[in-house]
Amino acid sequence: MIPHQPGSSRRAFLSFAGTLSAYFWIPKAVKGYTEPEMRAMAIDDRVRSGVSKWDLDTPALCVDLDKMERNISTMQAALKKFGISSRPHAKTHKCAAIARYQLDTGSIGICCAKLTEAEAMVAKGVDRICMTTANPSVSKIRRAMRIRKSHPNFIQAVDEEVNARDLSAAAREAGVVADVVVDAAVGTRSGIPPGEGAVALAQLIDRLPNLRLRGVLSYDGPVQHANGFTARKERALRTIEPNAELFATLNKSGLNMEIFSGGGTGTYNIMHLVPGFTDVQVGSYVFMDMQYMAIGSESGDPVFSDFAPSLTVITTVLNNRFPGRLTTDGGSKALTLNTPHAGVIGEPGMDYNAGSDEFGSIQFNAPPSKAYKIGDKLEAIVPHCDPVVNEYDQMYGIRKDRVEVVWTIDARGKSQ
């Protein structure tokens, strides 16, 4: 978790956010269209009536489609230049419509962290999936094999010999040969350490009759938010070194090593320097958030501006009676407790604390641009996009301040 930013740094990236998307106040009564009303307006997800985003009932989760599409295009162009591919994480958006768009625009596959997330994706036609978390549960292994039986592009992570044998037995029972990758640890969160045990596991997988070894996963989560590009690059290349040696050893031994996958949004422009690296498991780049904006760019700018913050939450002012403060309807259930705090677009002097379950508390550290009345609406960049998305049933795709699409968050709550 990123610590709360000091004033100067916070003002820097809030000012940046303000230049990206100006705040528009609509000084009139608004409809407050509910989620069911918006779904009823949508035909094949698309809304024809041109509803203003300011007419949505709040809190409302919105994604600026122009910015999101530019983010995806920017990532694809950069990775093409680096000679590697993208395998984006669905845990960021949990939305099959966005996953399909990523695949249609050049991603080689989609990552899923949990089996229920993968099940939600395949149910909506997304089938080039790599499960990045090993499943020791017998029931989950059988469910995963049901996916594999219907979807030959399904890949599963393995990080222990018992699990590999269980997968092979379940694959034999299902009448398939299952594709697997060794999850080689970077740090201590998950995976098998990239030493002799990892080599033995890969060799076992190669011998098991109903498994097909595809390569290695090596995801370093903590380094993605390392502050400052130079420090981030040094740390990323240092921590991945044992895994690169593992990949080289397995490759030289004749094992199938067509996949060497890892990295993320914070290291998308670093991982191509790792020999043999094939694809980056980027996630947050589609939306961005206050955490990522604070890590700094390769140019030395304290704001990470490679991708624009496209994901926002619209909230309503509920109370303006106390000097220097506002209360909104967007608390931790709308924006989570992650830090840095949400950033109010166009209002760099506002400190938005979503610490209460149902209410957001805004403190003025500098005079606001206008006097806010009860019922006025604000738009905030989210602290951390992944858990915020998981708080909503649907998101609104916005273009030029009008609702263009209503997307179901298909994998909401799918954490098993």
Protein backbone atom coordinates (compact mmCIF):
# COMPACT_ATOMS: atom_id res chain seq x y z
CA MET A 1 0.00 0.00 0.00
CA ILE A 2 1.30 3.45 -0.91
CA PRO A 3 1.55 5.90 2.00
CA HIS A 4 -0.41 9.13 1.92
CA GLN A 5 1.46 11.64 -0.23
CA PRO A 6 2.87 14.88 1.15
CA GLY A 7 1.20 18.10 0.05
CA SER A 8 3.52 19.11 -2.80
CA SER A 9 3.49 15.68 -4.46
CA ARG A 10 -0.26 15.33 -3.99
CA ARG A 11 -0.87 18.76 -5.53
CA ALA A 12 1.32 17.82 -8.48
CA PHE A 13 -0.67 14.81 -9.53
CA LEU A 14 -4.03 16.36 -8.68
CA SER A 15 -3.17 19.32 -10.88
CA PHE A 16 -2.19 16.86 -13.59
CA ALA A 17 -5.54 15.11 -13.19
CA GLY A 18 -7.31 18.43 -13.48
CA THR A 19 -5.74 19.13 -16.84
CA LEU A 20 -6.79 15.72 -18.13
CA SER A 21 -10.49 16.01 -17.37
CA ALA A 22 -12.05 19.32 -16.41
CA TYR A 23 -14.82 19.34 -13.82
CA PHE A 24 -18.19 20.47 -15.15
CA TRP A 25 -20.89 21.56 -12.74
CA ILE A 26 -24.46 21.24 -14.02
CA PRO A 27 -26.48 23.88 -12.07
CA LYS A 28 -29.87 22.25 -12.53
CA ALA A 29 -31.97 19.47 -11.09
CA VAL A 30 -30.75 16.12 -12.40
CA LYS A 31 -32.65 12.91 -12.94
CA GLY A 32 -30.53 10.49 -10.94
CA TYR A 33 -31.08 7.47 -13.21
CA THR A 34 -30.76 4.25 -11.22
CA GLU A 35 -28.83 1.17 -12.30
CA PRO A 36 -31.99 -0.73 -13.38
CA GLU A 37 -33.19 2.31 -15.34
CA MET A 38 -29.85 2.56 -17.14
CA ARG A 39 -29.82 -1.15 -17.92
CA ALA A 40 -33.33 -0.84 -19.35
CA MET A 41 -32.10 1.92 -21.69
CA ALA A 42 -29.25 -0.22 -23.03
CA ILE A 43 -29.58 -2.46 -26.08
CA ASP A 44 -26.60 -4.82 -26.38
CA ASP A 45 -24.92 -2.65 -23.72
CA ARG A 46 -25.26 0.54 -25.79
CA VAL A 47 -27.33 3.51 -24.59
CA ARG A 48 -29.03 5.41 -27.43
CA SER A 49 -30.62 8.23 -25.47
CA GLY A 50 -27.46 10.22 -24.73
CA VAL A 51 -27.84 10.41 -20.93
CA SER A 52 -25.40 12.81 -19.27
CA LYS A 53 -23.06 11.24 -16.74
CA TRP A 54 -24.19 13.96 -14.35
CA ASP A 55 -27.71 12.48 -14.50
CA LEU A 56 -26.60 9.16 -13.01
CA ASP A 57 -27.59 8.11 -9.53
CA THR A 58 -24.56 8.19 -7.28
CA PRO A 59 -22.10 6.84 -6.40
CA ALA A 60 -21.60 5.91 -10.06
CA LEU A 61 -18.57 4.10 -11.47
CA CYS A 62 -17.57 5.62 -14.83
CA VAL A 63 -14.86 4.98 -17.38
CA ASP A 64 -13.90 7.56 -19.98
CA LEU A 65 -13.85 5.46 -23.15
CA ASP A 66 -11.57 7.77 -25.11
CA LYS A 67 -8.93 7.65 -22.36
CA MET A 68 -9.26 3.92 -21.80
CA GLU A 69 -8.92 3.18 -25.51
CA ARG A 70 -5.86 5.46 -25.73
CA ASN A 71 -4.33 3.67 -22.74
CA ILE A 72 -4.77 0.31 -24.43
CA SER A 73 -3.40 1.64 -27.73
CA THR A 74 -0.41 3.23 -25.95
CA MET A 75 0.42 -0.04 -24.18
CA GLN A 76 0.13 -2.11 -27.35
CA ALA A 77 2.36 0.28 -29.30
CA ALA A 78 5.01 0.34 -26.57
CA LEU A 79 5.16 -3.43 -26.18
CA LYS A 80 5.28 -3.94 -29.94
CA LYS A 81 8.32 -1.65 -30.01
CA PHE A 82 9.89 -3.66 -27.18
CA GLY A 83 9.21 -6.96 -28.95
CA ILE A 84 6.98 -8.48 -26.26
CA SER A 85 3.22 -8.92 -25.79
CA SER A 86 0.52 -8.05 -23.27
CA ARG A 87 -1.46 -10.58 -21.23
CA PRO A 88 -3.69 -8.23 -19.19
CA HIS A 89 -5.18 -9.11 -15.82
CA ALA A 90 -8.98 -9.33 -15.70
CA LYS A 91 -8.89 -8.70 -11.94
CA THR A 92 -8.53 -4.99 -12.72
CA HIS A 93 -11.77 -4.51 -14.67
CA LYS A 94 -13.62 -7.83 -14.04
CA CYS A 95 -15.55 -7.01 -17.21
CA ALA A 96 -15.77 -9.38 -20.18
CA ALA A 97 -16.51 -6.51 -22.58
CA ILE A 98 -13.17 -4.86 -21.74
CA ALA A 99 -11.33 -8.20 -21.87
CA ARG A 100 -12.70 -8.84 -25.36
CA TYR A 101 -11.59 -5.38 -26.44
CA GLN A 102 -8.07 -6.06 -25.13
CA LEU A 103 -7.92 -9.31 -27.09
CA ASP A 104 -9.32 -7.68 -30.22
CA THR A 105 -6.64 -4.97 -30.06
CA GLY A 106 -3.65 -7.28 -29.78
CA SER A 107 -3.33 -8.89 -26.35
CA ILE A 108 -2.31 -12.56 -26.58
CA GLY A 109 -4.48 -13.61 -23.66
CA ILE A 110 -6.10 -12.61 -20.38
CA CYS A 111 -4.88 -13.40 -16.86
CA CYS A 112 -7.27 -14.43 -14.11
CA ALA A 113 -6.28 -14.54 -10.47
CA LYS A 114 -9.08 -16.82 -9.25
CA LEU A 115 -11.07 -19.71 -10.73
CA THR A 116 -14.46 -18.04 -10.27
CA GLU A 117 -13.10 -15.04 -12.18
CA ALA A 118 -12.06 -17.34 -15.03
CA GLU A 119 -15.48 -19.01 -15.00
CA ALA A 120 -17.17 -15.61 -15.28
CA MET A 121 -14.94 -14.67 -18.22
CA VAL A 122 -15.45 -17.90 -20.20
CA ALA A 123 -19.21 -17.64 -19.63
CA LYS A 124 -19.06 -14.38 -21.62
CA GLY A 125 -16.89 -15.68 -24.45
CA VAL A 126 -13.40 -14.83 -23.16
CA ASP A 127 -11.42 -18.06 -23.47
CA ARG A 128 -7.71 -17.25 -23.91
CA ILE A 129 -7.10 -17.34 -20.17
CA CYS A 130 -4.04 -17.97 -18.02
CA MET A 131 -4.80 -18.76 -14.38
CA THR A 132 -1.99 -17.12 -12.42
CA THR A 133 -2.87 -18.70 -9.05
CA ALA A 134 -2.35 -22.41 -8.34
CA ASN A 135 -5.46 -24.31 -7.18
CA PRO A 136 -4.75 -27.05 -4.61
CA SER A 137 -8.48 -27.71 -4.03
CA VAL A 138 -9.72 -30.96 -5.62
CA SER A 139 -13.10 -29.43 -6.47
CA LYS A 140 -11.48 -26.41 -8.10
CA ILE A 141 -9.13 -28.62 -10.09
CA ARG A 142 -12.09 -30.52 -11.50
CA ARG A 143 -13.90 -27.28 -12.35
CA ALA A 144 -10.76 -25.98 -14.04
CA MET A 145 -10.60 -29.15 -16.13
CA ARG A 146 -14.18 -28.58 -17.22
CA ILE A 147 -13.05 -25.18 -18.53
CA ARG A 148 -10.06 -26.80 -20.24
CA LYS A 149 -12.28 -29.44 -21.89
CA SER A 150 -14.35 -26.71 -23.57
CA HIS A 151 -11.59 -24.13 -24.03
CA PRO A 152 -8.24 -25.48 -25.33
CA ASN A 153 -6.49 -22.12 -24.77
CA PHE A 154 -6.91 -22.37 -20.97
CA ILE A 155 -3.61 -22.44 -19.03
CA GLN A 156 -3.13 -23.12 -15.30
CA ALA A 157 -0.36 -22.23 -12.88
CA VAL A 158 1.34 -24.92 -10.77
CA ASP A 159 3.75 -24.43 -7.87
CA GLU A 160 4.14 -27.83 -6.18
CA GLU A 161 4.57 -31.47 -7.17
CA VAL A 162 1.42 -32.73 -5.41
CA ASN A 163 -0.64 -30.16 -7.28
CA ALA A 164 0.94 -31.17 -10.59
CA ARG A 165 0.06 -34.84 -9.99
CA ASP A 166 -3.50 -33.91 -8.99
CA LEU A 167 -3.87 -31.81 -12.14
CA SER A 168 -2.63 -34.65 -14.33
CA ALA A 169 -5.05 -37.11 -12.72
CA ALA A 170 -7.97 -34.71 -13.13
CA ALA A 171 -6.99 -34.05 -16.74
CA ARG A 172 -6.91 -37.79 -17.42
CA GLU A 173 -10.36 -38.12 -15.83
CA ALA A 174 -11.64 -35.26 -18.04
CA GLY A 175 -10.05 -36.77 -21.15
CA VAL A 176 -7.76 -33.82 -21.86
CA VAL A 177 -4.12 -32.80 -21.79
CA ALA A 178 -3.95 -29.66 -19.63
CA ASP A 179 -1.57 -26.78 -20.36
CA VAL A 180 0.33 -25.57 -17.30
CA VAL A 181 3.02 -23.05 -16.37
CA VAL A 182 5.32 -23.14 -13.36
CA ASP A 183 4.64 -20.25 -10.98
CA ALA A 184 8.18 -19.28 -9.97
CA ALA A 185 8.18 -16.93 -6.99
CA VAL A 186 9.54 -13.41 -7.05
CA GLY A 187 9.59 -12.53 -3.36
CA THR A 188 7.52 -14.48 -0.85
CA ARG A 189 3.85 -14.06 -1.81
CA SER A 190 3.22 -17.10 -4.01
CA GLY A 191 4.97 -19.61 -6.22
CA ILE A 192 7.90 -21.97 -5.82
CA PRO A 193 11.38 -20.45 -5.25
CA PRO A 194 13.31 -20.42 -8.54
CA GLY A 195 15.92 -22.99 -7.50
CA GLU A 196 16.35 -26.76 -7.77
CA GLY A 197 12.78 -27.37 -6.61
CA ALA A 198 11.41 -25.36 -9.52
CA VAL A 199 13.61 -27.29 -11.97
CA ALA A 200 12.41 -30.62 -10.54
CA LEU A 201 8.79 -29.46 -10.76
CA ALA A 202 9.16 -28.48 -14.41
CA GLN A 203 10.79 -31.85 -15.19
CA LEU A 204 7.96 -33.68 -13.42
CA ILE A 205 5.33 -31.77 -15.39
CA ASP A 206 7.10 -32.71 -18.60
CA ARG A 207 6.87 -36.40 -17.63
CA LEU A 208 3.26 -36.46 -16.45
CA PRO A 209 1.08 -37.91 -19.22
CA ASN A 210 -1.83 -35.47 -19.07
CA LEU A 211 0.06 -32.21 -18.60
CA ARG A 212 1.82 -30.05 -21.18
CA LEU A 213 4.44 -27.61 -19.90
CA ARG A 214 4.14 -24.18 -21.52
CA GLY A 215 6.66 -22.11 -19.55
CA VAL A 216 7.10 -19.99 -16.44
CA LEU A 217 5.23 -17.19 -14.64
CA SER A 218 7.21 -14.74 -12.50
CA TYR A 219 5.14 -11.84 -11.20
CA ASP A 220 6.70 -9.27 -8.87
CA GLY A 221 3.80 -7.36 -7.30
CA PRO A 222 5.56 -5.04 -4.82
CA VAL A 223 7.97 -3.59 -7.38
CA GLN A 224 5.10 -2.22 -9.49
CA HIS A 225 4.64 0.66 -7.04
CA ALA A 226 8.30 1.32 -6.29
CA ASN A 227 8.69 5.10 -6.28
CA GLY A 228 10.84 6.60 -9.03
CA PHE A 229 11.62 4.96 -12.37
CA THR A 230 15.35 4.47 -11.75
CA ALA A 231 14.79 2.72 -8.42
CA ARG A 232 11.92 0.70 -9.88
CA LYS A 233 14.02 -0.46 -12.83
CA GLU A 234 16.99 -1.44 -10.66
CA ARG A 235 14.80 -3.39 -8.25
CA ALA A 236 12.73 -5.10 -10.98
CA LEU A 237 15.79 -6.35 -12.86
CA ARG A 238 17.52 -7.46 -9.66
CA THR A 239 14.56 -9.41 -8.24
CA ILE A 240 13.77 -11.14 -11.56
CA GLU A 241 17.36 -12.30 -12.11
CA PRO A 242 17.02 -15.73 -10.39
CA ASN A 243 13.84 -16.36 -12.41
CA ALA A 244 15.59 -15.43 -15.65
CA GLU A 245 18.32 -17.93 -14.74
CA LEU A 246 15.64 -20.57 -14.09
CA PHE A 247 14.03 -19.86 -17.47
CA ALA A 248 17.40 -20.14 -19.22
CA THR A 249 18.21 -23.43 -17.45
CA LEU A 250 14.87 -24.99 -18.36
CA ASN A 251 15.11 -23.73 -21.91
CA LYS A 252 18.63 -25.15 -22.39
CA SER A 253 17.47 -28.50 -21.01
CA GLY A 254 15.04 -28.82 -23.91
CA LEU A 255 11.81 -28.20 -21.97
CA ASN A 256 9.08 -26.20 -23.67
CA MET A 257 9.54 -22.59 -22.56
CA GLU A 258 7.32 -20.64 -24.93
CA ILE A 259 5.96 -18.50 -22.06
CA PHE A 260 8.00 -16.33 -19.69
CA SER A 261 5.36 -14.00 -18.27
CA GLY A 262 5.21 -11.43 -15.45
CA GLY A 263 5.66 -7.74 -14.81
CA GLY A 264 2.84 -5.22 -14.70
CA THR A 265 1.81 -1.63 -15.33
CA GLY A 266 4.65 -0.20 -13.26
CA THR A 267 7.31 -2.22 -15.12
CA TYR A 268 5.79 -2.50 -18.59
CA ASN A 269 8.73 -0.52 -20.05
CA ILE A 270 11.37 -2.49 -18.13
CA MET A 271 10.62 -6.21 -18.55
CA HIS A 272 11.74 -6.39 -22.19
CA LEU A 273 15.28 -6.06 -20.82
CA VAL A 274 14.95 -9.53 -19.24
CA PRO A 275 16.30 -12.21 -21.63
CA GLY A 276 13.56 -14.50 -22.92
CA PHE A 277 10.68 -12.47 -21.50
CA THR A 278 7.55 -12.96 -23.63
CA ASP A 279 4.66 -10.96 -22.16
CA VAL A 280 3.65 -8.52 -19.45
CA GLN A 281 0.70 -9.07 -17.08
CA VAL A 282 -0.45 -5.47 -17.12
CA GLY A 283 -3.69 -4.59 -15.36
CA SER A 284 -4.19 -1.08 -14.00
CA TYR A 285 -3.00 0.68 -17.17
CA VAL A 286 -6.54 0.59 -18.60
CA PHE A 287 -7.92 2.68 -15.72
CA MET A 288 -5.03 4.06 -13.64
CA ASP A 289 -5.52 5.39 -10.13
CA MET A 290 -4.00 7.62 -7.47
CA GLN A 291 -1.55 4.90 -6.39
CA TYR A 292 -0.06 4.48 -9.84
CA MET A 293 -0.02 8.19 -10.61
CA ALA A 294 2.29 8.64 -7.62
CA ILE A 295 5.10 6.29 -8.74
CA GLY A 296 6.81 8.64 -11.23
CA SER A 297 7.59 8.45 -14.95
CA GLU A 298 10.71 7.42 -16.84
CA SER A 299 11.21 11.10 -17.69
CA GLY A 300 11.75 11.88 -14.01
CA ASP A 301 8.36 13.54 -13.59
CA PRO A 302 6.94 12.69 -10.13
CA VAL A 303 3.62 11.84 -11.82
CA PHE A 304 3.33 8.58 -13.76
CA SER A 305 1.66 10.06 -16.83
CA ASP A 306 2.19 7.29 -19.41
CA PHE A 307 -1.49 6.41 -19.10
CA ALA A 308 -4.47 8.65 -18.31
CA PRO A 309 -6.77 8.10 -15.30
CA SER A 310 -9.93 6.92 -17.06
CA LEU A 311 -11.81 5.41 -14.09
CA THR A 312 -13.76 7.77 -11.85
CA VAL A 313 -16.57 7.74 -9.32
CA ILE A 314 -19.24 10.45 -9.41
CA THR A 315 -20.52 11.41 -5.97
CA THR A 316 -23.11 13.83 -4.59
CA VAL A 317 -22.61 16.47 -1.92
CA LEU A 318 -24.83 15.64 1.07
CA ASN A 319 -23.65 18.25 3.57
CA ASN A 320 -21.96 21.67 3.22
CA ARG A 321 -22.82 23.07 6.65
CA PHE A 322 -19.39 22.92 8.27
CA PRO A 323 -16.66 25.42 7.32
CA GLY A 324 -13.98 24.04 5.05
CA ARG A 325 -15.67 20.65 4.66
CA LEU A 326 -18.11 18.70 2.53
CA THR A 327 -19.74 15.32 3.03
CA THR A 328 -20.52 13.13 0.01
CA ASP A 329 -22.35 9.85 -0.56
CA GLY A 330 -19.14 8.07 -1.62
CA GLY A 331 -17.47 6.36 1.32
CA SER A 332 -15.34 3.24 1.63
CA LYS A 333 -18.04 1.10 -0.04
CA ALA A 334 -17.68 3.29 -3.12
CA LEU A 335 -13.95 4.14 -3.10
CA THR A 336 -12.34 1.68 -0.60
CA LEU A 337 -9.90 2.54 2.19
CA ASN A 338 -6.82 2.48 -0.05
CA THR A 339 -4.45 5.43 -0.09
CA PRO A 340 -3.52 7.94 -1.43
CA HIS A 341 -6.99 9.40 -1.07
CA ALA A 342 -9.29 9.85 -4.05
CA GLY A 343 -8.51 12.94 -6.12
CA VAL A 344 -11.37 15.32 -6.94
CA ILE A 345 -11.00 16.34 -10.57
CA GLY A 346 -10.50 20.07 -10.99
CA GLU A 347 -10.11 20.62 -7.23
CA PRO A 348 -6.45 20.05 -6.23
CA GLY A 349 -7.08 21.70 -2.86
CA MET A 350 -9.61 19.05 -1.77
CA ASP A 351 -8.55 16.11 0.38
CA TYR A 352 -11.15 13.36 -0.15
CA ASN A 353 -11.18 10.83 2.71
CA ALA A 354 -13.50 7.85 2.07
CA GLY A 355 -12.95 6.49 5.56
CA SER A 356 -16.60 6.16 6.54
CA ASP A 357 -18.63 3.24 5.19
CA GLU A 358 -21.26 5.32 3.41
CA PHE A 359 -19.87 8.85 3.44
CA GLY A 360 -16.89 10.67 2.01
CA SER A 361 -15.38 13.55 3.97
CA ILE A 362 -13.74 16.34 1.97
CA GLN A 363 -11.48 18.85 3.67
CA PHE A 364 -10.41 22.07 1.91
CA ASN A 365 -6.64 22.52 2.03
CA ALA A 366 -7.03 25.39 -0.44
CA PRO A 367 -10.08 27.41 -1.56
CA PRO A 368 -12.35 25.42 -3.90
CA SER A 369 -13.20 26.65 -7.39
CA LYS A 370 -16.82 27.40 -6.36
CA ALA A 371 -19.23 27.28 -3.47
CA TYR A 372 -20.70 23.77 -3.36
CA LYS A 373 -24.37 23.25 -2.55
CA ILE A 374 -26.10 20.15 -1.28
CA GLY A 375 -26.97 18.09 -4.35
CA ASP A 376 -23.95 19.20 -6.42
CA LYS A 377 -21.86 16.43 -7.94
CA LEU A 378 -18.14 15.77 -7.91
CA GLU A 379 -15.99 13.38 -9.94
CA ALA A 380 -13.07 11.62 -8.27
CA ILE A 381 -10.13 9.57 -9.49
CA VAL A 382 -10.11 6.33 -7.50
CA PRO A 383 -7.37 5.40 -5.00
CA HIS A 384 -6.83 1.83 -6.29
CA CYS A 385 -8.82 0.68 -9.30
CA ASP A 386 -9.03 -3.10 -8.72
CA PRO A 387 -10.91 -3.14 -5.38
CA VAL A 388 -13.05 -0.13 -6.35
CA VAL A 389 -14.38 -1.94 -9.43
CA ASN A 390 -15.27 -4.89 -7.19
CA GLU A 391 -17.69 -2.66 -5.25
CA TYR A 392 -20.04 -2.15 -8.21
CA ASP A 393 -22.46 -4.23 -10.29
CA GLN A 394 -21.98 -2.14 -13.42
CA MET A 395 -19.89 0.63 -14.86
CA TYR A 396 -20.80 3.35 -17.34
CA GLY A 397 -18.70 3.89 -20.43
CA ILE A 398 -18.61 7.66 -21.03
CA ARG A 399 -17.73 9.56 -24.17
CA LYS A 400 -17.82 13.35 -24.20
CA ASP A 401 -19.72 13.30 -20.88
CA ARG A 402 -22.54 11.13 -22.29
CA VAL A 403 -23.23 7.51 -21.32
CA GLU A 404 -22.42 5.35 -24.34
CA VAL A 405 -22.44 1.86 -22.81
CA VAL A 406 -23.54 0.12 -19.63
CA TRP A 407 -21.20 -2.77 -18.81
CA THR A 408 -21.89 -5.50 -16.29
CA ILE A 409 -18.98 -6.20 -13.96
CA ASP A 410 -19.19 -9.90 -14.66
CA ALA A 411 -16.61 -11.10 -12.12
CA ARG A 412 -17.66 -8.86 -9.25
CA GLY A 413 -17.08 -10.70 -5.96
CA LYS A 414 -15.45 -13.64 -7.75
CA SER A 415 -12.57 -14.10 -5.32
CA GLN A 416 -12.60 -17.88 -4.83
